[in-house]
Amino acid sequence: AAAKGDKVTVEYTVRIGNGRVVGGTERDGPQTLTLGEGGIFDA
């Protein structure tokens, strides 16, 4: 299980309320980040 300090690779799609896709990793591939470093929104 992923925990703070771990390096994770994630795929994601971001939509707004009307369902329109406004971002994600589909084009550039998965994103790698270290949990707890603020590389993406806290939630």
All heavy atoms as atom14 arrays in JSON, in Angstrom:
{
  "sequence": "AAAKGDKVTVEYTVRIGNGRVVGGTERDGPQTLTLGEGGIFDA",
  "atom14_mask": [
    [1, 1, 1, 1, 1, 0, 0, 0, 0, 0, 0, 0, 0, 0],
    [1, 1, 1, 1, 1, 0, 0, 0, 0, 0, 0, 0, 0, 0],
    [1, 1, 1, 1, 1, 0, 0, 0, 0, 0, 0, 0, 0, 0],
    [1, 1, 1, 1, 1, 1, 1, 1, 1, 0, 0, 0, 0, 0],
    [1, 1, 1, 1, 0, 0, 0, 0, 0, 0, 0, 0, 0, 0],
    [1, 1, 1, 1, 1, 1, 1, 1, 0, 0, 0, 0, 0, 0],
    [1, 1, 1, 1, 1, 1, 1, 1, 1, 0, 0, 0, 0, 0],
    [1, 1, 1, 1, 1, 1, 1, 0, 0, 0, 0, 0, 0, 0],
    [1, 1, 1, 1, 1, 1, 1, 0, 0, 0, 0, 0, 0, 0],
    [1, 1, 1, 1, 1, 1, 1, 0, 0, 0, 0, 0, 0, 0],
    [1, 1, 1, 1, 1, 1, 1, 1, 1, 0, 0, 0, 0, 0],
    [1, 1, 1, 1, 1, 1, 1, 1, 1, 1, 1, 1, 0, 0],
    [1, 1, 1, 1, 1, 1, 1, 0, 0, 0, 0, 0, 0, 0],
    [1, 1, 1, 1, 1, 1, 1, 0, 0, 0, 0, 0, 0, 0],
    [1, 1, 1, 1, 1, 1, 1, 1, 1, 1, 1, 0, 0, 0],
    [1, 1, 1, 1, 1, 1, 1, 1, 0, 0, 0, 0, 0, 0],
    [1, 1, 1, 1, 0, 0, 0, 0, 0, 0, 0, 0, 0, 0],
    [1, 1, 1, 1, 1, 1, 1, 1, 0, 0, 0, 0, 0, 0],
    [1, 1, 1, 1, 0, 0, 0, 0, 0, 0, 0, 0, 0, 0],
    [1, 1, 1, 1, 1, 1, 1, 1, 1, 1, 1, 0, 0, 0],
    [1, 1, 1, 1, 1, 1, 1, 0, 0, 0, 0, 0, 0, 0],
    [1, 1, 1, 1, 1, 1, 1, 0, 0, 0, 0, 0, 0, 0],
    [1, 1, 1, 1, 0, 0, 0, 0, 0, 0, 0, 0, 0, 0],
    [1, 1, 1, 1, 0, 0, 0, 0, 0, 0, 0, 0, 0, 0],
    [1, 1, 1, 1, 1, 1, 1, 0, 0, 0, 0, 0, 0, 0],
    [1, 1, 1, 1, 1, 1, 1, 1, 1, 0, 0, 0, 0, 0],
    [1, 1, 1, 1, 1, 1, 1, 1, 1, 1, 1, 0, 0, 0],
    [1, 1, 1, 1, 1, 1, 1, 1, 0, 0, 0, 0, 0, 0],
    [1, 1, 1, 1, 0, 0, 0, 0, 0, 0, 0, 0, 0, 0],
    [1, 1, 1, 1, 1, 1, 1, 0, 0, 0, 0, 0, 0, 0],
    [1, 1, 1, 1, 1, 1, 1, 1, 1, 0, 0, 0, 0, 0],
    [1, 1, 1, 1, 1, 1, 1, 0, 0, 0, 0, 0, 0, 0],
    [1, 1, 1, 1, 1, 1, 1, 1, 0, 0, 0, 0, 0, 0],
    [1, 1, 1, 1, 1, 1, 1, 0, 0, 0, 0, 0, 0, 0],
    [1, 1, 1, 1, 1, 1, 1, 1, 0, 0, 0, 0, 0, 0],
    [1, 1, 1, 1, 0, 0, 0, 0, 0, 0, 0, 0, 0, 0],
    [1, 1, 1, 1, 1, 1, 1, 1, 1, 0, 0, 0, 0, 0],
    [1, 1, 1, 1, 0, 0, 0, 0, 0, 0, 0, 0, 0, 0],
    [1, 1, 1, 1, 0, 0, 0, 0, 0, 0, 0, 0, 0, 0],
    [1, 1, 1, 1, 1, 1, 1, 1, 0, 0, 0, 0, 0, 0],
    [1, 1, 1, 1, 1, 1, 1, 1, 1, 1, 1, 0, 0, 0],
    [1, 1, 1, 1, 1, 1, 1, 1, 0, 0, 0, 0, 0, 0],
    [1, 1, 1, 1, 1, 0, 0, 0, 0, 0, 0, 0, 0, 0]
  ],
  "atom14_positions": [
    [[0.84, -1.19, 0.0], [0.0, 0.0, 0.0], [0.88, 1.25, 0.0], [1.91, 1.3, 0.67], [-0.91, 0.0, 1.22], [0.0, 0.0, 0.0], [0.0, 0.0, 0.0], [0.0, 0.0, 0.0], [0.0, 0.0, 0.0], [0.0, 0.0, 0.0], [0.0, 0.0, 0.0], [0.0, 0.0, 0.0], [0.0, 0.0, 0.0], [0.0, 0.0, 0.0]],
    [[0.46, 2.25, -0.74], [1.2, 3.51, -0.83], [1.09, 4.28, 0.47], [0.04, 4.31, 1.11], [0.66, 4.35, -1.99], [0.0, 0.0, 0.0], [0.0, 0.0, 0.0], [0.0, 0.0, 0.0], [0.0, 0.0, 0.0], [0.0, 0.0, 0.0], [0.0, 0.0, 0.0], [0.0, 0.0, 0.0], [0.0, 0.0, 0.0], [0.0, 0.0, 0.0]],
    [[2.2, 4.92, 0.86], [2.24, 5.74, 2.07], [3.06, 6.99, 1.79], [3.8, 7.05, 0.8], [2.85, 4.94, 3.22], [0.0, 0.0, 0.0], [0.0, 0.0, 0.0], [0.0, 0.0, 0.0], [0.0, 0.0, 0.0], [0.0, 0.0, 0.0], [0.0, 0.0, 0.0], [0.0, 0.0, 0.0], [0.0, 0.0, 0.0], [0.0, 0.0, 0.0]],
    [[2.95, 7.98, 2.67], [3.74, 9.21, 2.53], [5.21, 8.86, 2.37], [5.73, 7.99, 3.05], [3.56, 10.09, 3.76], [2.43, 11.05, 3.64], [2.54, 12.16, 4.66], [1.52, 13.21, 4.34], [0.35, 13.21, 5.14], [0.0, 0.0, 0.0], [0.0, 0.0, 0.0], [0.0, 0.0, 0.0], [0.0, 0.0, 0.0], [0.0, 0.0, 0.0]],
    [[5.86, 9.55, 1.45], [7.27, 9.32, 1.19], [7.52, 8.34, 0.06], [8.61, 8.31, -0.5], [0.0, 0.0, 0.0], [0.0, 0.0, 0.0], [0.0, 0.0, 0.0], [0.0, 0.0, 0.0], [0.0, 0.0, 0.0], [0.0, 0.0, 0.0], [0.0, 0.0, 0.0], [0.0, 0.0, 0.0], [0.0, 0.0, 0.0], [0.0, 0.0, 0.0]],
    [[6.51, 7.52, -0.28], [6.66, 6.56, -1.37], [6.57, 7.28, -2.71], [5.85, 8.27, -2.87], [5.55, 5.49, -1.33], [5.67, 4.57, -0.14], [6.73, 4.54, 0.51], [4.68, 3.85, 0.13], [0.0, 0.0, 0.0], [0.0, 0.0, 0.0], [0.0, 0.0, 0.0], [0.0, 0.0, 0.0], [0.0, 0.0, 0.0], [0.0, 0.0, 0.0]],
    [[7.31, 6.76, -3.68], [7.22, 7.25, -5.06], [6.14, 6.41, -5.75], [6.23, 5.18, -5.75], [8.56, 7.11, -5.76], [8.59, 7.77, -7.13], [9.99, 7.8, -7.68], [10.71, 8.94, -7.01], [11.92, 9.36, -7.7], [0.0, 0.0, 0.0], [0.0, 0.0, 0.0], [0.0, 0.0, 0.0], [0.0, 0.0, 0.0], [0.0, 0.0, 0.0]],
    [[5.12, 7.07, -6.27], [4.02, 6.36, -6.93], [3.9, 6.82, -8.37], [4.23, 7.95, -8.7], [2.68, 6.56, -6.19], [2.74, 6.01, -4.78], [2.25, 8.01, -6.18], [0.0, 0.0, 0.0], [0.0, 0.0, 0.0], [0.0, 0.0, 0.0], [0.0, 0.0, 0.0], [0.0, 0.0, 0.0], [0.0, 0.0, 0.0], [0.0, 0.0, 0.0]],
    [[3.45, 5.91, -9.2], [3.13, 6.23, -10.58], [1.63, 6.09, -10.72], [1.05, 5.08, -10.31], [3.88, 5.29, -11.55], [5.28, 5.41, -11.29], [3.6, 5.64, -12.99], [0.0, 0.0, 0.0], [0.0, 0.0, 0.0], [0.0, 0.0, 0.0], [0.0, 0.0, 0.0], [0.0, 0.0, 0.0], [0.0, 0.0, 0.0], [0.0, 0.0, 0.0]],
    [[1.0, 7.11, -11.28], [-0.46, 7.16, -11.33], [-0.94, 7.62, -12.71], [-0.29, 8.42, -13.36], [-1.01, 8.09, -10.21], [-0.54, 9.51, -10.38], [-2.51, 8.02, -10.1], [0.0, 0.0, 0.0], [0.0, 0.0, 0.0], [0.0, 0.0, 0.0], [0.0, 0.0, 0.0], [0.0, 0.0, 0.0], [0.0, 0.0, 0.0], [0.0, 0.0, 0.0]],
    [[-2.04, 7.03, -13.13], [-2.76, 7.51, -14.31], [-4.02, 8.16, -13.8], [-4.62, 7.69, -12.82], [-3.12, 6.34, -15.24], [-1.92, 5.69, -15.89], [-2.3, 4.5, -16.77], [-3.41, 3.97, -16.63], [-1.46, 4.12, -17.59], [0.0, 0.0, 0.0], [0.0, 0.0, 0.0], [0.0, 0.0, 0.0], [0.0, 0.0, 0.0], [0.0, 0.0, 0.0]],
    [[-4.43, 9.26, -14.44], [-5.66, 9.91, -14.0], [-6.31, 10.68, -15.14], [-5.69, 11.03, -16.13], [-5.4, 10.85, -12.81], [-4.44, 11.98, -13.09], [-4.88, 13.18, -13.62], [-3.09, 11.84, -12.8], [-3.99, 14.22, -13.86], [-2.2, 12.88, -13.03], [-2.66, 14.06, -13.56], [-1.79, 15.09, -13.81], [0.0, 0.0, 0.0], [0.0, 0.0, 0.0]],
    [[-7.61, 10.91, -14.95], [-8.4, 11.76, -15.82], [-9.08, 12.78, -14.93], [-9.6, 12.43, -13.86], [-9.46, 10.96, -16.6], [-8.79, 9.96, -17.37], [-10.27, 11.85, -17.53], [0.0, 0.0, 0.0], [0.0, 0.0, 0.0], [0.0, 0.0, 0.0], [0.0, 0.0, 0.0], [0.0, 0.0, 0.0], [0.0, 0.0, 0.0], [0.0, 0.0, 0.0]],
    [[-9.09, 14.05, -15.35], [-9.73, 15.12, -14.59], [-10.9, 15.65, -15.41], [-10.73, 16.01, -16.57], [-8.76, 16.28, -14.29], [-9.42, 17.32, -13.39], [-7.47, 15.78, -13.69], [0.0, 0.0, 0.0], [0.0, 0.0, 0.0], [0.0, 0.0, 0.0], [0.0, 0.0, 0.0], [0.0, 0.0, 0.0], [0.0, 0.0, 0.0], [0.0, 0.0, 0.0]],
    [[-12.07, 15.7, -14.75], [-13.27, 16.25, -15.38], [-13.81, 17.38, -14.51], [-13.58, 17.4, -13.31], [-14.36, 15.18, -15.51], [-13.97, 14.01, -16.4], [-15.11, 12.97, -16.45], [-14.7, 11.74, -17.07], [-14.55, 11.54, -18.37], [-14.81, 12.5, -19.21], [-14.15, 10.38, -18.84], [0.0, 0.0, 0.0], [0.0, 0.0, 0.0], [0.0, 0.0, 0.0]],
    [[-14.56, 18.28, -15.15], [-15.28, 19.3, -14.4], [-16.74, 18.86, -14.31], [-17.11, 17.8, -14.81], [-15.11, 20.7, -15.01], [-15.55, 20.73, -16.48], [-13.68, 21.17, -14.86], [-15.51, 22.12, -17.11], [0.0, 0.0, 0.0], [0.0, 0.0, 0.0], [0.0, 0.0, 0.0], [0.0, 0.0, 0.0], [0.0, 0.0, 0.0], [0.0, 0.0, 0.0]],
    [[-17.57, 19.66, -13.65], [-18.95, 19.29, -13.35], [-19.79, 18.88, -14.53], [-20.67, 18.03, -14.4], [0.0, 0.0, 0.0], [0.0, 0.0, 0.0], [0.0, 0.0, 0.0], [0.0, 0.0, 0.0], [0.0, 0.0, 0.0], [0.0, 0.0, 0.0], [0.0, 0.0, 0.0], [0.0, 0.0, 0.0], [0.0, 0.0, 0.0], [0.0, 0.0, 0.0]],
    [[-19.56, 19.44, -15.71], [-20.35, 19.08, -16.88], [-19.83, 17.81, -17.57], [-20.34, 17.42, -18.61], [-20.43, 20.24, -17.87], [-19.09, 20.6, -18.49], [-18.08, 19.91, -18.31], [-19.06, 21.69, -19.24], [0.0, 0.0, 0.0], [0.0, 0.0, 0.0], [0.0, 0.0, 0.0], [0.0, 0.0, 0.0], [0.0, 0.0, 0.0], [0.0, 0.0, 0.0]],
    [[-18.8, 17.18, -16.98], [-18.26, 15.94, -17.54], [-17.12, 16.14, -18.53], [-16.49, 15.17, -18.95], [0.0, 0.0, 0.0], [0.0, 0.0, 0.0], [0.0, 0.0, 0.0], [0.0, 0.0, 0.0], [0.0, 0.0, 0.0], [0.0, 0.0, 0.0], [0.0, 0.0, 0.0], [0.0, 0.0, 0.0], [0.0, 0.0, 0.0], [0.0, 0.0, 0.0]],
    [[-16.83, 17.38, -18.89], [-15.77, 17.64, -19.87], [-14.41, 17.31, -19.27], [-14.1, 17.69, -18.15], [-15.81, 19.11, -20.31], [-14.76, 19.46, -21.35], [-14.98, 20.86, -21.93], [-14.9, 21.9, -20.94], [-13.81, 22.64, -20.71], [-12.7, 22.43, -21.39], [-13.82, 23.59, -19.8], [0.0, 0.0, 0.0], [0.0, 0.0, 0.0], [0.0, 0.0, 0.0]],
    [[-13.59, 16.58, -20.02], [-12.23, 16.25, -19.6], [-11.36, 17.49, -19.76], [-11.32, 18.11, -20.83], [-11.66, 15.08, -20.43], [-10.19, 14.84, -20.09], [-12.47, 13.82, -20.19], [0.0, 0.0, 0.0], [0.0, 0.0, 0.0], [0.0, 0.0, 0.0], [0.0, 0.0, 0.0], [0.0, 0.0, 0.0], [0.0, 0.0, 0.0], [0.0, 0.0, 0.0]],
    [[-10.67, 17.86, -18.66], [-9.83, 19.06, -18.69], [-8.36, 18.75, -18.38], [-7.53, 19.65, -18.31], [-10.35, 20.14, -17.71], [-11.71, 20.66, -18.17], [-10.41, 19.61, -16.29], [0.0, 0.0, 0.0], [0.0, 0.0, 0.0], [0.0, 0.0, 0.0], [0.0, 0.0, 0.0], [0.0, 0.0, 0.0], [0.0, 0.0, 0.0], [0.0, 0.0, 0.0]],
    [[-8.04, 17.49, -18.19], [-6.67, 17.13, -17.92], [-6.52, 15.66, -17.67], [-7.51, 14.92, -17.62], [0.0, 0.0, 0.0], [0.0, 0.0, 0.0], [0.0, 0.0, 0.0], [0.0, 0.0, 0.0], [0.0, 0.0, 0.0], [0.0, 0.0, 0.0], [0.0, 0.0, 0.0], [0.0, 0.0, 0.0], [0.0, 0.0, 0.0], [0.0, 0.0, 0.0]],
    [[-5.28, 15.24, -17.55], [-5.02, 13.83, -17.28], [-3.72, 13.38, -17.89], [-2.94, 14.18, -18.42], [0.0, 0.0, 0.0], [0.0, 0.0, 0.0], [0.0, 0.0, 0.0], [0.0, 0.0, 0.0], [0.0, 0.0, 0.0], [0.0, 0.0, 0.0], [0.0, 0.0, 0.0], [0.0, 0.0, 0.0], [0.0, 0.0, 0.0], [0.0, 0.0, 0.0]],
    [[-3.5, 12.09, -17.8], [-2.24, 11.51, -18.24], [-2.35, 10.75, -19.56], [-1.38, 10.15, -20.0], [-1.71, 10.55, -17.16], [-2.71, 9.55, -16.9], [-1.37, 11.29, -15.88], [0.0, 0.0, 0.0], [0.0, 0.0, 0.0], [0.0, 0.0, 0.0], [0.0, 0.0, 0.0], [0.0, 0.0, 0.0], [0.0, 0.0, 0.0], [0.0, 0.0, 0.0]],
    [[-3.51, 10.8, -20.18], [-3.72, 10.01, -21.4], [-2.69, 10.34, -22.49], [-2.13, 9.45, -23.12], [-5.13, 10.23, -21.95], [-5.42, 9.37, -23.16], [-6.85, 9.52, -23.62], [-7.74, 8.94, -22.97], [-7.06, 10.21, -24.63], [0.0, 0.0, 0.0], [0.0, 0.0, 0.0], [0.0, 0.0, 0.0], [0.0, 0.0, 0.0], [0.0, 0.0, 0.0]],
    [[-2.4, 11.61, -22.69], [-1.5, 12.02, -23.78], [-0.03, 11.75, -23.45], [0.72, 11.25, -24.27], [-1.71, 13.49, -24.1], [-0.95, 13.94, -25.34], [-1.08, 15.38, -25.59], [-0.33, 16.06, -24.52], [-0.22, 17.34, -24.37], [-0.83, 18.13, -25.19], [0.5, 17.86, -23.39], [0.0, 0.0, 0.0], [0.0, 0.0, 0.0], [0.0, 0.0, 0.0]],
    [[0.4, 12.12, -22.24], [1.82, 12.05, -21.9], [2.21, 10.84, -21.07], [3.38, 10.68, -20.72], [2.24, 13.33, -21.15], [2.14, 14.56, -22.04], [2.35, 14.44, -23.26], [1.83, 15.64, -21.5], [0.0, 0.0, 0.0], [0.0, 0.0, 0.0], [0.0, 0.0, 0.0], [0.0, 0.0, 0.0], [0.0, 0.0, 0.0], [0.0, 0.0, 0.0]],
    [[1.25, 10.01, -20.73], [1.56, 8.81, -19.96], [1.48, 9.05, -18.46], [1.28, 10.18, -18.0], [0.0, 0.0, 0.0], [0.0, 0.0, 0.0], [0.0, 0.0, 0.0], [0.0, 0.0, 0.0], [0.0, 0.0, 0.0], [0.0, 0.0, 0.0], [0.0, 0.0, 0.0], [0.0, 0.0, 0.0], [0.0, 0.0, 0.0], [0.0, 0.0, 0.0]],
    [[1.65, 8.0, -17.69], [1.52, 8.09, -16.24], [2.47, 9.12, -15.63], [3.54, 9.39, -16.16], [1.88, 6.67, -15.76], [1.67, 5.8, -16.94], [1.98, 6.64, -18.14], [0.0, 0.0, 0.0], [0.0, 0.0, 0.0], [0.0, 0.0, 0.0], [0.0, 0.0, 0.0], [0.0, 0.0, 0.0], [0.0, 0.0, 0.0], [0.0, 0.0, 0.0]],
    [[2.04, 9.69, -14.51], [2.84, 10.68, -13.79], [3.42, 10.01, -12.54], [2.74, 9.26, -11.86], [1.96, 11.85, -13.37], [2.7, 12.91, -12.58], [1.81, 14.08, -12.18], [0.68, 14.2, -12.6], [2.34, 14.94, -11.34], [0.0, 0.0, 0.0], [0.0, 0.0, 0.0], [0.0, 0.0, 0.0], [0.0, 0.0, 0.0], [0.0, 0.0, 0.0]],
    [[4.68, 10.3, -12.27], [5.33, 9.77, -11.07], [5.53, 10.92, -10.09], [5.97, 11.99, -10.48], [6.68, 9.12, -11.42], [6.43, 8.04, -12.34], [7.37, 8.58, -10.18], [0.0, 0.0, 0.0], [0.0, 0.0, 0.0], [0.0, 0.0, 0.0], [0.0, 0.0, 0.0], [0.0, 0.0, 0.0], [0.0, 0.0, 0.0], [0.0, 0.0, 0.0]],
    [[5.19, 10.68, -8.83], [5.34, 11.7, -7.8], [5.63, 11.04, -6.47], [5.42, 9.84, -6.31], [4.09, 12.57, -7.71], [2.77, 11.85, -7.46], [2.27, 12.12, -6.06], [1.75, 12.36, -8.46], [0.0, 0.0, 0.0], [0.0, 0.0, 0.0], [0.0, 0.0, 0.0], [0.0, 0.0, 0.0], [0.0, 0.0, 0.0], [0.0, 0.0, 0.0]],
    [[6.14, 11.81, -5.54], [6.4, 11.32, -4.19], [5.29, 11.83, -3.29], [5.07, 13.05, -3.2], [7.78, 11.81, -3.69], [8.78, 11.32, -4.6], [8.07, 11.28, -2.29], [0.0, 0.0, 0.0], [0.0, 0.0, 0.0], [0.0, 0.0, 0.0], [0.0, 0.0, 0.0], [0.0, 0.0, 0.0], [0.0, 0.0, 0.0], [0.0, 0.0, 0.0]],
    [[4.58, 10.91, -2.64], [3.48, 11.29, -1.78], [3.99, 12.13, -0.62], [4.98, 11.8, 0.01], [2.75, 10.06, -1.26], [1.99, 9.24, -2.31], [1.33, 8.03, -1.66], [0.95, 10.1, -3.02], [0.0, 0.0, 0.0], [0.0, 0.0, 0.0], [0.0, 0.0, 0.0], [0.0, 0.0, 0.0], [0.0, 0.0, 0.0], [0.0, 0.0, 0.0]],
    [[3.31, 13.25, -0.39], [3.68, 14.15, 0.7], [4.51, 15.33, 0.25], [4.76, 16.23, 1.04], [0.0, 0.0, 0.0], [0.0, 0.0, 0.0], [0.0, 0.0, 0.0], [0.0, 0.0, 0.0], [0.0, 0.0, 0.0], [0.0, 0.0, 0.0], [0.0, 0.0, 0.0], [0.0, 0.0, 0.0], [0.0, 0.0, 0.0], [0.0, 0.0, 0.0]],
    [[4.94, 15.35, -1.01], [5.75, 16.47, -1.5], [4.94, 17.55, -2.2], [5.5, 18.52, -2.68], [6.86, 15.97, -2.42], [7.96, 15.24, -1.69], [9.15, 14.92, -2.58], [9.07, 15.06, -3.82], [10.18, 14.5, -2.02], [0.0, 0.0, 0.0], [0.0, 0.0, 0.0], [0.0, 0.0, 0.0], [0.0, 0.0, 0.0], [0.0, 0.0, 0.0]],
    [[3.63, 17.36, -2.3], [2.79, 18.38, -2.92], [2.85, 18.43, -4.42], [2.59, 19.49, -5.01], [0.0, 0.0, 0.0], [0.0, 0.0, 0.0], [0.0, 0.0, 0.0], [0.0, 0.0, 0.0], [0.0, 0.0, 0.0], [0.0, 0.0, 0.0], [0.0, 0.0, 0.0], [0.0, 0.0, 0.0], [0.0, 0.0, 0.0], [0.0, 0.0, 0.0]],
    [[3.15, 17.32, -5.06], [3.22, 17.28, -6.52], [1.86, 17.29, -7.2], [1.76, 17.44, -8.4], [0.0, 0.0, 0.0], [0.0, 0.0, 0.0], [0.0, 0.0, 0.0], [0.0, 0.0, 0.0], [0.0, 0.0, 0.0], [0.0, 0.0, 0.0], [0.0, 0.0, 0.0], [0.0, 0.0, 0.0], [0.0, 0.0, 0.0], [0.0, 0.0, 0.0]],
    [[0.79, 17.14, -6.41], [-0.58, 17.13, -6.92], [-1.45, 17.6, -5.76], [-0.98, 17.75, -4.64], [-0.94, 15.72, -7.45], [-2.14, 15.76, -8.39], [-1.12, 14.73, -6.32], [-2.29, 14.5, -9.24], [0.0, 0.0, 0.0], [0.0, 0.0, 0.0], [0.0, 0.0, 0.0], [0.0, 0.0, 0.0], [0.0, 0.0, 0.0], [0.0, 0.0, 0.0]],
    [[-2.7, 17.88, -6.0], [-3.59, 18.38, -4.94], [-3.59, 17.45, -3.73], [-3.55, 16.23, -3.87], [-5.02, 18.52, -5.47], [-5.15, 19.54, -6.57], [-5.39, 19.14, -7.87], [-5.04, 20.89, -6.3], [-5.51, 20.06, -8.89], [-5.15, 21.83, -7.31], [-5.39, 21.42, -8.61], [0.0, 0.0, 0.0], [0.0, 0.0, 0.0], [0.0, 0.0, 0.0]],
    [[-3.67, 18.04, -2.53], [-3.64, 17.28, -1.28], [-4.7, 16.18, -1.25], [-4.42, 15.06, -0.82], [-3.86, 18.2, -0.07], [-2.65, 19.05, 0.25], [-1.55, 18.76, -0.26], [-2.82, 20.02, 1.01], [0.0, 0.0, 0.0], [0.0, 0.0, 0.0], [0.0, 0.0, 0.0], [0.0, 0.0, 0.0], [0.0, 0.0, 0.0], [0.0, 0.0, 0.0]],
    [[-5.92, 16.49, -1.69], [-7.0, 15.49, -1.66], [-6.67, 14.28, -2.51], [-7.02, 13.15, -2.17], [-8.32, 16.12, -2.11], [0.0, 0.0, 0.0], [0.0, 0.0, 0.0], [0.0, 0.0, 0.0], [0.0, 0.0, 0.0], [0.0, 0.0, 0.0], [0.0, 0.0, 0.0], [0.0, 0.0, 0.0], [0.0, 0.0, 0.0], [0.0, 0.0, 0.0]]
  ]
}
